[in-house]
Amino acid sequence: MRNFFEYADNDPARVAVVHTDGQQVTYGEMRDDANRISNFLWDRGLAPGDTLACLLPNSYQLMAVVRGATQLPLYLTPVNWHLTASEIAYILSDSGAKVLFTTDPFVELAERAAIEAGLPAEAVVVLAIAPEGSASRLTGPVAAASATTPRDRGAGNRMLYTSGTTGRPKGVRRPLRGISPVEAAGAALARARRYGADHEDGVFLGLAPMYHASPLAYADQALDVGHRVVLLERWNRERALEAIAEHGVTWLYLVPLMMQELVALPADERAALQVGSIRSIVHTAAPCPPHVKQAMIDWLGPVLVEIYGGTEGSATVITSEEWLTHIGSVGRPLPHVSLRILDEDRNEVPVGQVGTVYFKNEELAFVYLGDPEKTAASRLDGHVTLGDLGRLDEDGYLYLSDRAVDLIISGGVNIYPAEIEHALLEIPGVADACVVGRPDEKWGESVHAVVVLDRSGTHDEVAASLDAELRARIAGYKIPRSWTFVEALPRSAAGKLLRREVRESVATSTQ
């Protein structure tokens, strides 16, 4: 069975991680550091079922903490380092974290958050990467712990927090499975096959923030199939392209905003780039405008694999070949997933009709930590919803319309912002767009567009031009009745549009 532990034992000199500073860490070194972290946690008094947290950038430290924590029956909560100390303190308190791993430049932030959460000073554990050739590739108190296999091993779980786009973040907690970490690691190969990443001697490029579920999961899975993980601390188009060429990257994870930046390069520049090593690109996180995805496929070939889901779990998958015959779809259910489309009364809707998307992932049962009401409201007969609206076609492919909370109802007619946004993004000169409902005495709500431009013109001139362009693409009742032009839209580090902030800003401006 291929897995991280087998590679570490049988090929310890194999390179596991290329750190952001260029240092390389082998599978053998990483196994020893993972064991040190595990033994350190037991020595600190943690018990099965306890939680620890980490405030770490994309780094070897993060990858080692994940390995060390999840070979014990514990919960690991990676924390978004863009948050304030108070927001981090909330997660520490809510999760019940007993240890917080961190490193520069987040040490002061971690200490302030820990104090606010009522944790003792020793709960904050600082990690740094040691020079190549050191007995431990980590510094600090962890380095003194034993590198032997820890006692009482058992597969742990990551407990990530939802992004909080519809309220305060909630921990997504799955039951501990009662299996060995070797057995848990071995399941990664089957998952890698779904997105074409099961090839030998692969190289994964980690460039999205790994406090999010997908970037962390794919980097971790890459190690279980013996791949080399190359880390960038954050997304930068030029650095990403350089890393692909330098390391011969074979697969990576992107969000649509990153793909938009890539296809924005002139065609002649793209043609000259050394990207021929890429075999698979996995993308999730947000709907991808069809013209952007088409441009990526035209450039790189049918290497894109889209997975629909959230922190709560994955639901569907679609390859490039499938997408080209079902443009706009997010795929069909994964083998262990059942899918239902329900109306407001929770009745099944006919094929082609829009309803709320519910799915049941047999592998990923969960609850929202400390929120039984939200847990109950999100599910039906074991099926859970992320709040998205969508429809199925006759072939069983899912097409998303929007989130239920984002739906605009104008004069009793349902209007889906994503459709208007995709149409706007096809127009030359539109760099980004968000469509929300605006209170309207006559219609209940009217359509309002917030747009980022990369062309000049007065407000009225540009609005009139965009209005005309849209009328050739979508029905008249979907055309925005009002416009705001801004320098940038609020987005999370993963590229997810923070629609609630836009909606609140628009609502405030109407008062």
Protein backbone atom coordinates (compact mmCIF):
# COMPACT_ATOMS: atom_id res chain seq x y z
CA MET A 1 0.00 0.00 0.00
CA ARG A 2 1.53 3.32 -1.05
CA ASN A 3 1.50 5.90 1.73
CA PHE A 4 3.71 8.47 3.45
CA PHE A 5 4.94 6.07 6.12
CA GLU A 6 5.95 3.41 3.59
CA TYR A 7 7.96 5.92 1.58
CA ALA A 8 9.61 7.27 4.74
CA ASP A 9 10.65 3.78 5.86
CA ASN A 10 11.73 2.37 2.49
CA ASP A 11 13.06 5.48 0.72
CA PRO A 12 13.99 7.94 3.51
CA ALA A 13 16.20 10.07 1.23
CA ARG A 14 13.30 10.80 -1.12
CA VAL A 15 12.52 14.55 -1.14
CA ALA A 16 9.19 15.26 0.54
CA VAL A 17 8.97 19.07 0.81
CA VAL A 18 10.75 21.96 -0.88
CA HIS A 19 10.33 24.84 1.59
CA THR A 20 9.67 28.40 0.51
CA ASP A 21 13.32 29.30 1.21
CA GLY A 22 14.52 26.52 -1.10
CA GLN A 23 15.52 24.03 1.61
CA GLN A 24 14.60 20.42 0.96
CA VAL A 25 13.31 17.98 3.56
CA THR A 26 13.28 14.23 2.98
CA TYR A 27 10.57 11.72 3.80
CA GLY A 28 12.77 10.23 6.52
CA GLU A 29 13.41 13.61 8.13
CA MET A 30 9.74 14.50 7.97
CA ARG A 31 8.67 11.19 9.54
CA ASP A 32 11.06 11.82 12.44
CA ASP A 33 9.77 15.37 12.94
CA ALA A 34 6.16 14.14 12.78
CA ASN A 35 7.01 11.63 15.51
CA ARG A 36 8.63 14.39 17.59
CA ILE A 37 5.46 16.47 17.30
CA SER A 38 3.29 13.48 18.27
CA ASN A 39 5.41 12.65 21.31
CA PHE A 40 5.54 16.32 22.29
CA LEU A 41 1.72 16.46 22.27
CA TRP A 42 1.41 13.37 24.46
CA ASP A 43 4.08 14.78 26.78
CA ARG A 44 2.04 18.01 27.05
CA GLY A 45 -0.85 15.99 28.42
CA LEU A 46 -3.20 15.93 25.44
CA ALA A 47 -5.59 12.97 25.41
CA PRO A 48 -7.52 11.22 22.61
CA GLY A 49 -10.27 13.49 21.28
CA ASP A 50 -8.48 16.71 22.28
CA THR A 51 -7.87 19.59 19.86
CA LEU A 52 -4.76 21.54 18.92
CA ALA A 53 -4.49 24.49 16.54
CA CYS A 54 -1.84 25.97 14.29
CA LEU A 55 -1.29 29.50 13.01
CA LEU A 56 1.26 28.74 10.30
CA PRO A 57 1.94 29.90 6.75
CA ASN A 58 2.43 27.48 3.86
CA SER A 59 5.59 25.89 5.22
CA TYR A 60 7.38 22.72 6.19
CA GLN A 61 6.35 23.43 9.78
CA LEU A 62 2.68 23.23 8.78
CA MET A 63 3.12 20.00 6.82
CA ALA A 64 5.02 18.40 9.72
CA VAL A 65 2.38 19.48 12.26
CA VAL A 66 -0.36 17.98 10.10
CA ARG A 67 1.50 14.66 9.92
CA GLY A 68 2.35 14.63 13.61
CA ALA A 69 -1.11 15.59 14.82
CA THR A 70 -3.13 13.33 12.53
CA GLN A 71 -1.23 10.14 13.37
CA LEU A 72 -2.78 10.54 16.83
CA PRO A 73 -6.51 10.41 17.67
CA LEU A 74 -6.68 14.21 17.93
CA TYR A 75 -8.32 17.11 16.10
CA LEU A 76 -6.16 19.69 14.31
CA THR A 77 -7.54 23.14 13.53
CA PRO A 78 -5.49 25.26 11.08
CA VAL A 79 -6.28 28.94 11.68
CA ASN A 80 -6.52 31.69 9.07
CA TRP A 81 -3.59 34.04 9.70
CA HIS A 82 -5.45 36.96 8.13
CA LEU A 83 -7.77 37.05 11.15
CA THR A 84 -7.46 39.47 14.04
CA ALA A 85 -6.38 38.32 17.50
CA SER A 86 -10.00 38.42 18.70
CA GLU A 87 -11.21 36.32 15.77
CA ILE A 88 -8.46 33.77 16.39
CA ALA A 89 -9.29 33.75 20.11
CA TYR A 90 -12.89 32.87 19.24
CA ILE A 91 -11.71 29.82 17.24
CA LEU A 92 -9.31 28.75 19.99
CA SER A 93 -12.08 28.97 22.59
CA ASP A 94 -14.77 27.41 20.41
CA SER A 95 -12.55 24.48 19.36
CA GLY A 96 -11.16 23.89 22.84
CA ALA A 97 -7.59 23.96 21.50
CA LYS A 98 -4.95 23.12 24.13
CA VAL A 99 -1.85 23.89 22.05
CA LEU A 100 -1.25 26.53 19.35
CA PHE A 101 1.71 25.99 17.02
CA THR A 102 3.00 29.12 15.28
CA THR A 103 6.09 30.72 13.75
CA ASP A 104 7.35 34.12 12.63
CA PRO A 105 5.80 36.48 11.68
CA PHE A 106 2.70 35.35 13.61
CA VAL A 107 4.14 34.82 17.09
CA GLU A 108 2.88 38.10 18.58
CA LEU A 109 -0.56 37.60 17.01
CA ALA A 110 -0.73 34.05 18.38
CA GLU A 111 0.27 35.17 21.87
CA ARG A 112 -2.37 37.93 21.95
CA ALA A 113 -5.05 35.51 20.75
CA ALA A 114 -4.05 32.89 23.31
CA ILE A 115 -4.24 35.41 26.16
CA GLU A 116 -7.70 36.53 25.02
CA ALA A 117 -8.80 32.89 24.81
CA GLY A 118 -7.59 32.27 28.35
CA LEU A 119 -4.83 29.84 27.39
CA PRO A 120 -1.62 29.62 29.45
CA ALA A 121 1.55 31.10 27.93
CA GLU A 122 3.08 27.66 27.37
CA ALA A 123 0.18 26.73 25.07
CA VAL A 124 1.84 28.78 22.30
CA VAL A 125 4.63 26.70 20.74
CA VAL A 126 6.96 28.43 18.29
CA LEU A 127 8.43 26.38 15.43
CA ALA A 128 11.14 27.39 12.98
CA ILE A 129 12.88 25.41 10.27
CA ALA A 130 16.43 24.33 11.13
CA PRO A 131 19.33 24.25 8.64
CA GLU A 132 19.78 21.20 6.42
CA GLY A 133 21.76 18.50 8.20
CA SER A 134 20.26 19.24 11.64
CA ALA A 135 19.07 16.27 13.69
CA SER A 136 15.60 17.80 13.66
CA ARG A 137 14.46 20.05 10.85
CA LEU A 138 12.43 21.95 13.46
CA THR A 139 13.66 24.17 16.27
CA GLY A 140 12.10 24.90 19.65
CA PRO A 141 10.75 22.55 22.32
CA VAL A 142 9.54 20.03 19.73
CA ALA A 143 13.13 19.32 18.64
CA ALA A 144 13.91 17.78 22.04
CA ALA A 145 11.05 15.27 21.86
CA SER A 146 11.61 11.65 20.90
CA ALA A 147 11.69 10.76 17.19
CA THR A 148 10.50 7.22 17.87
CA THR A 149 7.07 6.03 16.79
CA PRO A 150 4.56 7.46 19.29
CA ARG A 151 2.38 5.34 21.54
CA ASP A 152 -1.37 5.00 21.03
CA ARG A 153 -1.36 5.92 17.36
CA GLY A 154 -4.70 6.38 15.62
CA ALA A 155 -5.95 8.40 12.68
CA GLY A 156 -6.87 11.93 13.71
CA ASN A 157 -8.93 14.49 11.82
CA ARG A 158 -8.55 18.04 10.67
CA MET A 159 -11.32 20.24 12.09
CA LEU A 160 -11.48 23.29 9.88
CA TYR A 161 -13.73 26.27 10.36
CA THR A 162 -16.14 27.45 7.71
CA SER A 163 -15.23 30.76 6.11
CA GLY A 164 -18.00 32.61 7.89
CA THR A 165 -19.46 34.07 4.69
CA THR A 166 -22.96 33.69 6.16
CA GLY A 167 -22.19 34.22 9.84
CA ARG A 168 -19.61 33.40 12.48
CA PRO A 169 -17.23 30.55 11.54
CA LYS A 170 -18.20 27.09 12.71
CA GLY A 171 -15.99 24.06 13.22
CA VAL A 172 -16.74 21.14 10.93
CA ARG A 173 -16.16 18.15 13.21
CA ARG A 174 -16.04 14.56 11.97
CA PRO A 175 -15.93 11.52 14.22
CA LEU A 176 -12.57 9.87 14.78
CA ARG A 177 -12.61 6.71 12.71
CA GLY A 178 -10.79 4.29 14.99
CA ILE A 179 -8.37 3.20 12.25
CA SER A 180 -4.58 3.36 12.04
CA PRO A 181 -2.84 6.35 10.42
CA VAL A 182 -1.31 3.95 7.88
CA GLU A 183 -4.76 2.76 6.83
CA ALA A 184 -6.02 6.34 6.61
CA ALA A 185 -3.00 7.40 4.53
CA GLY A 186 -3.47 4.49 2.13
CA ALA A 187 -6.90 5.79 1.09
CA ALA A 188 -5.23 8.82 -0.53
CA LEU A 189 -4.29 6.85 -3.65
CA ALA A 190 -7.93 6.24 -4.57
CA ARG A 191 -8.69 9.93 -4.11
CA ALA A 192 -5.68 10.93 -6.21
CA ARG A 193 -6.96 8.79 -9.10
CA ARG A 194 -10.12 10.89 -9.26
CA TYR A 195 -8.17 13.94 -10.35
CA GLY A 196 -5.34 12.34 -12.30
CA ALA A 197 -2.69 12.76 -9.61
CA ASP A 198 -1.80 9.11 -9.01
CA HIS A 199 1.25 9.15 -11.31
CA GLU A 200 4.70 8.14 -10.04
CA ASP A 201 7.30 10.78 -9.16
CA GLY A 202 4.81 13.63 -9.17
CA VAL A 203 5.47 17.18 -8.03
CA PHE A 204 2.67 19.15 -6.35
CA LEU A 205 2.76 22.94 -6.15
CA GLY A 206 1.11 24.34 -3.01
CA LEU A 207 0.31 28.01 -3.51
CA ALA A 208 -3.12 28.60 -1.96
CA PRO A 209 -3.41 29.22 1.81
CA MET A 210 -3.41 25.88 3.59
CA TYR A 211 -5.70 26.97 6.38
CA HIS A 212 -8.38 26.17 3.80
CA ALA A 213 -9.63 22.61 3.43
CA SER A 214 -8.77 21.87 -0.20
CA PRO A 215 -5.20 23.26 -0.49
CA LEU A 216 -4.18 21.47 2.71
CA ALA A 217 -5.87 18.21 1.76
CA TYR A 218 -4.22 18.04 -1.67
CA ALA A 219 -0.75 18.83 -0.34
CA ASP A 220 -1.17 16.20 2.36
CA GLN A 221 -2.45 13.63 -0.14
CA ALA A 222 0.52 14.34 -2.42
CA LEU A 223 2.82 13.02 0.31
CA ASP A 224 0.77 9.85 0.62
CA VAL A 225 1.41 9.03 -3.04
CA GLY A 226 5.13 9.75 -2.74
CA HIS A 227 5.14 13.12 -4.46
CA ARG A 228 7.38 16.10 -3.83
CA VAL A 229 5.52 19.13 -2.42
CA VAL A 230 6.85 22.53 -3.50
CA LEU A 231 5.53 25.35 -1.33
CA LEU A 232 4.89 29.01 -2.05
CA GLU A 233 3.79 31.15 0.89
CA ARG A 234 1.09 32.81 -1.18
CA TRP A 235 -0.24 33.13 -4.70
CA ASN A 236 1.83 35.16 -7.12
CA ARG A 237 1.37 34.52 -10.82
CA GLU A 238 4.98 35.08 -11.84
CA ARG A 239 6.44 33.06 -8.96
CA ALA A 240 3.99 30.24 -9.61
CA LEU A 241 4.98 30.04 -13.27
CA GLU A 242 8.67 30.10 -12.33
CA ALA A 243 8.13 27.26 -9.84
CA ILE A 244 6.28 25.16 -12.42
CA ALA A 245 9.20 25.49 -14.83
CA GLU A 246 11.95 25.06 -12.23
CA HIS A 247 10.54 22.01 -10.45
CA GLY A 248 8.66 20.31 -13.28
CA VAL A 249 5.35 20.60 -11.42
CA THR A 250 2.92 17.88 -12.50
CA TRP A 251 -0.18 18.96 -10.60
CA LEU A 252 -1.53 21.83 -8.55
CA TYR A 253 -4.63 23.34 -7.02
CA LEU A 254 -6.06 26.63 -8.28
CA VAL A 255 -9.13 28.74 -7.65
CA PRO A 256 -10.93 30.55 -10.49
CA LEU A 257 -9.43 33.94 -9.59
CA MET A 258 -5.95 32.50 -10.14
CA MET A 259 -7.01 31.05 -13.48
CA GLN A 260 -8.39 34.43 -14.51
CA GLU A 261 -4.96 35.96 -13.85
CA LEU A 262 -3.24 33.25 -15.86
CA VAL A 263 -5.42 33.51 -18.95
CA ALA A 264 -5.15 37.32 -18.78
CA LEU A 265 -1.57 36.92 -20.02
CA PRO A 266 -1.21 37.64 -23.74
CA ALA A 267 -1.45 34.49 -25.85
CA ASP A 268 2.11 34.82 -27.16
CA GLU A 269 3.47 35.03 -23.59
CA ARG A 270 1.48 31.98 -22.54
CA ALA A 271 2.76 30.03 -25.53
CA ALA A 272 6.36 30.67 -24.46
CA LEU A 273 5.92 29.45 -20.88
CA GLN A 274 7.38 26.13 -19.72
CA VAL A 275 4.23 24.47 -18.41
CA GLY A 276 4.33 21.21 -20.35
CA SER A 277 4.93 19.16 -17.19
CA ILE A 278 1.39 19.84 -15.88
CA ARG A 279 -0.84 16.76 -15.96
CA SER A 280 -3.62 17.83 -13.63
CA ILE A 281 -5.09 21.02 -12.16
CA VAL A 282 -7.72 20.61 -9.48
CA HIS A 283 -10.04 23.56 -8.92
CA THR A 284 -12.77 24.25 -6.37
CA ALA A 285 -13.77 27.12 -4.03
CA ALA A 286 -15.96 29.19 -6.37
CA PRO A 287 -17.83 28.94 -9.68
CA CYS A 288 -15.47 29.33 -12.62
CA PRO A 289 -16.69 31.52 -15.50
CA PRO A 290 -17.03 29.17 -18.49
CA HIS A 291 -14.93 31.37 -20.79
CA VAL A 292 -12.04 31.26 -18.28
CA LYS A 293 -12.18 27.48 -18.00
CA GLN A 294 -12.39 27.13 -21.78
CA ALA A 295 -9.32 29.37 -22.17
CA MET A 296 -7.39 27.23 -19.66
CA ILE A 297 -8.26 24.04 -21.54
CA ASP A 298 -7.37 25.63 -24.89
CA TRP A 299 -3.98 26.58 -23.44
CA LEU A 300 -2.99 23.55 -21.33
CA GLY A 301 -5.18 20.79 -22.72
CA PRO A 302 -7.81 18.73 -20.86
CA VAL A 303 -5.97 18.79 -17.51
CA LEU A 304 -8.61 20.54 -15.37
CA VAL A 305 -10.62 18.58 -12.82
CA GLU A 306 -13.35 20.44 -10.92
CA ILE A 307 -14.67 19.29 -7.57
CA TYR A 308 -17.78 20.80 -6.00
CA GLY A 309 -18.15 20.85 -2.25
CA GLY A 310 -17.04 22.81 0.78
CA THR A 311 -15.32 22.45 4.12
CA GLU A 312 -18.18 20.08 4.92
CA GLY A 313 -17.14 17.64 2.17
CA SER A 314 -16.97 16.97 -1.57
CA ALA A 315 -20.01 16.09 -3.67
CA THR A 316 -19.29 16.01 -7.42
CA VAL A 317 -16.38 15.84 -9.84
CA ILE A 318 -15.99 16.60 -13.55
CA THR A 319 -13.06 16.15 -15.92
CA SER A 320 -12.20 18.51 -18.76
CA GLU A 321 -13.46 16.00 -21.33
CA GLU A 322 -16.83 15.76 -19.57
CA TRP A 323 -17.05 19.52 -19.11
CA LEU A 324 -16.54 20.17 -22.82
CA THR A 325 -19.76 18.25 -23.52
CA HIS A 326 -21.56 19.65 -20.43
CA ILE A 327 -20.30 23.23 -20.32
CA GLY A 328 -21.03 24.96 -17.05
CA SER A 329 -21.56 21.75 -15.07
CA VAL A 330 -19.72 20.91 -11.84
CA GLY A 331 -20.04 17.20 -12.52
CA ARG A 332 -21.72 14.06 -11.32
CA PRO A 333 -21.71 12.66 -7.77
CA LEU A 334 -18.57 11.00 -6.47
CA PRO A 335 -18.87 7.20 -6.05
CA HIS A 336 -19.75 7.44 -2.35
CA VAL A 337 -22.12 10.41 -2.71
CA SER A 338 -25.87 10.61 -3.33
CA LEU A 339 -27.39 13.85 -4.63
CA ARG A 340 -30.89 15.34 -4.35
CA ILE A 341 -32.44 18.57 -5.66
CA LEU A 342 -35.33 19.73 -3.47
CA ASP A 343 -37.87 22.55 -3.56
CA GLU A 344 -38.80 24.81 -0.63
CA ASP A 345 -41.06 22.07 0.76
CA ARG A 346 -38.17 19.61 0.51
CA ASN A 347 -39.76 17.64 -2.30
CA GLU A 348 -37.69 16.28 -5.20
CA VAL A 349 -37.88 18.49 -8.29
CA PRO A 350 -37.97 17.25 -11.91
CA VAL A 351 -34.86 17.06 -14.07
CA GLY A 352 -33.89 20.52 -15.28
CA GLN A 353 -35.69 22.40 -12.49
CA VAL A 354 -33.72 24.52 -10.00
CA GLY A 355 -33.83 23.63 -6.32
CA THR A 356 -31.61 23.42 -3.26
CA VAL A 357 -28.72 20.98 -3.65
CA TYR A 358 -28.44 18.31 -0.96
CA PHE A 359 -25.78 15.61 -0.89
CA LYS A 360 -24.83 12.71 1.34
CA ASN A 361 -21.13 11.86 1.55
CA GLU A 362 -20.88 8.45 3.19
CA GLU A 363 -17.18 9.00 3.96
CA LEU A 364 -17.51 12.42 5.58
CA ALA A 365 -20.25 12.58 8.22
CA PHE A 366 -19.93 15.71 10.35
CA VAL A 367 -21.56 18.13 12.77
CA TYR A 368 -21.08 21.86 13.22
CA LEU A 369 -19.28 22.05 16.54
CA GLY A 370 -21.50 23.43 19.28
CA ASP A 371 -24.34 24.29 16.90
CA PRO A 372 -26.93 21.50 16.74
CA GLU A 373 -29.49 23.89 15.23
CA LYS A 374 -27.26 24.72 12.25
CA THR A 375 -26.40 21.04 11.90
CA ALA A 376 -30.09 20.07 11.85
CA ALA A 377 -31.07 22.89 9.49
CA SER A 378 -28.41 21.90 6.96
CA ARG A 379 -29.52 18.32 6.45
CA LEU A 380 -32.39 16.06 5.51
CA ASP A 381 -32.38 12.29 5.90
CA GLY A 382 -28.61 12.31 6.19
CA HIS A 383 -28.19 14.67 3.23
CA VAL A 384 -26.56 18.05 3.82
CA THR A 385 -26.81 21.34 1.94
CA LEU A 386 -24.25 24.11 1.61
CA GLY A 387 -27.08 26.47 0.68
CA ASP A 388 -26.47 26.22 -3.07
CA LEU A 389 -29.15 26.16 -5.74
CA GLY A 390 -28.78 23.99 -8.81
CA ARG A 391 -30.33 21.59 -11.30
CA LEU A 392 -29.57 18.19 -12.78
CA ASP A 393 -29.62 17.41 -16.49
CA GLU A 394 -30.78 14.14 -18.04
CA ASP A 395 -27.27 12.71 -17.79
CA GLY A 396 -27.09 13.37 -14.05
CA TYR A 397 -24.72 16.34 -14.27
CA LEU A 398 -25.16 19.12 -11.72
CA TYR A 399 -25.30 22.79 -12.71
CA LEU A 400 -25.14 25.38 -9.94
CA SER A 401 -27.32 28.47 -10.13
CA ASP A 402 -26.34 30.31 -6.95
CA ARG A 403 -26.48 30.19 -3.19
CA ALA A 404 -30.00 30.42 -1.80
CA VAL A 405 -28.94 33.35 0.37
CA ASP A 406 -27.67 35.19 -2.75
CA LEU A 407 -30.82 34.69 -4.80
CA ILE A 408 -32.44 37.97 -5.90
CA ILE A 409 -36.25 37.98 -6.02
CA SER A 410 -37.43 40.94 -8.07
CA GLY A 411 -41.14 41.26 -8.73
CA GLY A 412 -41.57 37.61 -7.78
CA VAL A 413 -38.99 36.47 -10.34
CA ASN A 414 -35.89 34.54 -9.27
CA ILE A 415 -32.64 36.06 -10.55
CA TYR A 416 -29.29 34.31 -10.11
CA PRO A 417 -26.33 36.67 -9.58
CA ALA A 418 -23.75 34.15 -10.84
CA GLU A 419 -25.31 34.16 -14.31
CA ILE A 420 -25.05 37.95 -14.54
CA GLU A 421 -21.51 37.95 -13.14
CA HIS A 422 -20.36 35.42 -15.72
CA ALA A 423 -21.87 37.55 -18.48
CA LEU A 424 -20.14 40.66 -17.13
CA LEU A 425 -16.76 38.92 -16.95
CA GLU A 426 -17.00 38.05 -20.64
CA ILE A 427 -17.04 41.77 -21.51
CA PRO A 428 -13.64 43.30 -22.34
CA GLY A 429 -12.61 45.82 -19.70
CA VAL A 430 -14.38 44.09 -16.80
CA ALA A 431 -11.80 42.72 -14.36
CA ASP A 432 -14.14 41.55 -11.58
CA ALA A 433 -17.84 41.72 -10.73
CA CYS A 434 -20.33 41.04 -7.97
CA VAL A 435 -24.12 41.23 -8.33
CA VAL A 436 -26.41 41.61 -5.32
CA GLY A 437 -30.00 42.51 -4.58
CA ARG A 438 -30.80 46.07 -3.55
CA PRO A 439 -33.97 47.01 -1.64
CA ASP A 440 -36.63 48.34 -4.00
CA GLU A 441 -40.06 49.65 -2.90
CA LYS A 442 -41.77 48.56 -6.11
CA TRP A 443 -40.01 45.28 -6.94
CA GLY A 444 -38.89 44.14 -3.49
CA GLU A 445 -35.34 43.89 -4.79
CA SER A 446 -33.57 45.22 -7.85
CA VAL A 447 -30.35 44.02 -9.43
CA HIS A 448 -27.23 45.99 -8.48
CA ALA A 449 -23.78 45.37 -9.97
CA VAL A 450 -20.47 46.22 -8.30
CA VAL A 451 -17.75 46.16 -10.94
CA VAL A 452 -13.96 46.45 -11.12
CA LEU A 453 -12.85 47.95 -14.43
CA ASP A 454 -9.58 48.04 -16.30
CA ARG A 455 -10.81 50.68 -18.73
CA SER A 456 -11.64 54.36 -18.33
CA GLY A 457 -14.81 56.38 -18.79
CA THR A 458 -17.39 58.27 -16.76
CA HIS A 459 -19.82 56.38 -14.56
CA ASP A 460 -22.77 56.95 -16.87
CA GLU A 461 -20.81 56.14 -20.03
CA VAL A 462 -19.47 52.87 -18.68
CA ALA A 463 -22.81 51.86 -17.17
CA ALA A 464 -24.57 52.48 -20.48
CA SER A 465 -21.92 50.50 -22.35
CA LEU A 466 -22.15 47.53 -19.99
CA ASP A 467 -25.95 47.65 -20.12
CA ALA A 468 -25.81 47.39 -23.91
CA GLU A 469 -23.27 44.56 -23.84
CA LEU A 470 -25.34 42.59 -21.34
CA ARG A 471 -28.56 42.92 -23.32
CA ALA A 472 -26.93 40.87 -26.06
CA ARG A 473 -26.14 38.13 -23.55
CA ILE A 474 -28.95 37.85 -20.97
CA ALA A 475 -32.65 38.63 -20.59
CA GLY A 476 -33.67 42.21 -19.92
CA TYR A 477 -35.11 41.55 -16.45
CA LYS A 478 -31.65 40.41 -15.32
CA ILE A 479 -29.90 43.63 -16.36
CA PRO A 480 -28.60 45.64 -13.36
CA ARG A 481 -30.70 48.71 -12.63
CA SER A 482 -27.85 50.39 -10.74
CA TRP A 483 -24.07 50.24 -10.75
CA THR A 484 -21.10 50.88 -8.48
CA PHE A 485 -17.52 50.95 -9.77
CA VAL A 486 -14.75 50.11 -7.30
CA GLU A 487 -10.99 49.53 -7.26
CA ALA A 488 -11.30 45.99 -5.87
CA LEU A 489 -13.86 43.56 -4.48
CA PRO A 490 -13.41 41.99 -1.05
CA ARG A 491 -12.15 38.42 -1.41
CA SER A 492 -10.78 35.85 0.99
CA ALA A 493 -7.21 34.65 0.61
CA ALA A 494 -8.59 31.62 -1.24
CA GLY A 495 -10.16 33.94 -3.81
CA LYS A 496 -13.72 33.46 -2.56
CA LEU A 497 -15.85 36.54 -3.09
CA LEU A 498 -17.02 37.97 0.24
CA ARG A 499 -20.49 38.66 -1.05
CA ARG A 500 -21.92 39.46 2.35
CA GLU A 501 -19.55 42.43 2.69
CA VAL A 502 -20.60 43.69 -0.73
CA ARG A 503 -24.27 43.25 0.12
CA GLU A 504 -23.86 45.13 3.41
CA SER A 505 -21.98 47.95 1.69
CA VAL A 506 -24.68 48.31 -0.95
CA ALA A 507 -27.45 48.21 1.67
CA THR A 508 -25.69 50.91 3.71
CA SER A 509 -25.29 53.14 0.67
CA THR A 510 -29.05 53.06 0.05
CA GLN A 511 -29.95 54.25 3.54
